[in-house]
């Protein structure tokens, strides 16, 4: 079963007086490209977060965000009382020397001075990190389940396009036989128009005609195209990620369809080849999103 590279996972939980929200979004990419947005408190765990994600996600452009909301009344900003008192003593002395009135407006000036408010930085609690890590794994599992569901829809669409190519191949058979008869008739008409009066070596002519018909024969291409389509379907059923492999097989399918087109030499057959190419383009677009 194939898995899509598109997915989304979200987990919310509370721990102490904090609310955590973990979100992971993934899109298609040739390689694993991880972008993280995490609070400064968890910056030291960035490498471990990336390692965990690389173990559970093979490919894709992945955006991870960790949001942290404080539900308590505690603040990381603290009034620096000692600094404020020192500023007040100094400013009060200046006011008295200048004969100015000392009132509450002096506090407005003090609070605009440097270091009156200090920031306190919380240290990461390892037990808290273990809970976050456990929920990160849960979010990654949810993302992979989303990818599996998207993969089922992708597989159904791709299988429909593969079936359409094989159905078109069957529809080509009547036109293929008629094409050979048309080619023979066209060659004979051209010879009659030349009016060579029986000076043609019939044996030689038949040999050349057979050689020409063999060059127009598309049986080998039909067999290879059928085999490639079967191999494509078998590869989709594999457990291992097969996106790149499916891309290579799609290229081989394209080569056989192009060869059919170059040998078609018949309008109805050419229309069928165009429809095959249309189905193949849909497959290629969808394979770009397969893990």
Foldseek 3Di string as FASTA:
>chain_A
DWFFQFFKFWDWDDDDQKIKIKIKTWFFDPFAAEAEAEDPQCPVCVVVLVVVLVVLDTGTHMYIYMDMDGNDPDDQKDFPVVQLVVQLVVVVVVCVVVVHDDDPVVSVVSVVDPPRIDGHDDHDDVVVVVVVVVVSVVRSVNGRVRRVVVLVVLLVLLLVLLVLLLVLLVVCVVVLVVLLVVVVVVVVVVVVVVPPPPPDDVVVVVVVSVVVVVLLDLPVLSVQLVVLSVVLNVQSPDPDQCLVVNLVSLVVNVVSLVSQCVSVNGVVSNVSSVSSVVSSVVNNVSSSRID
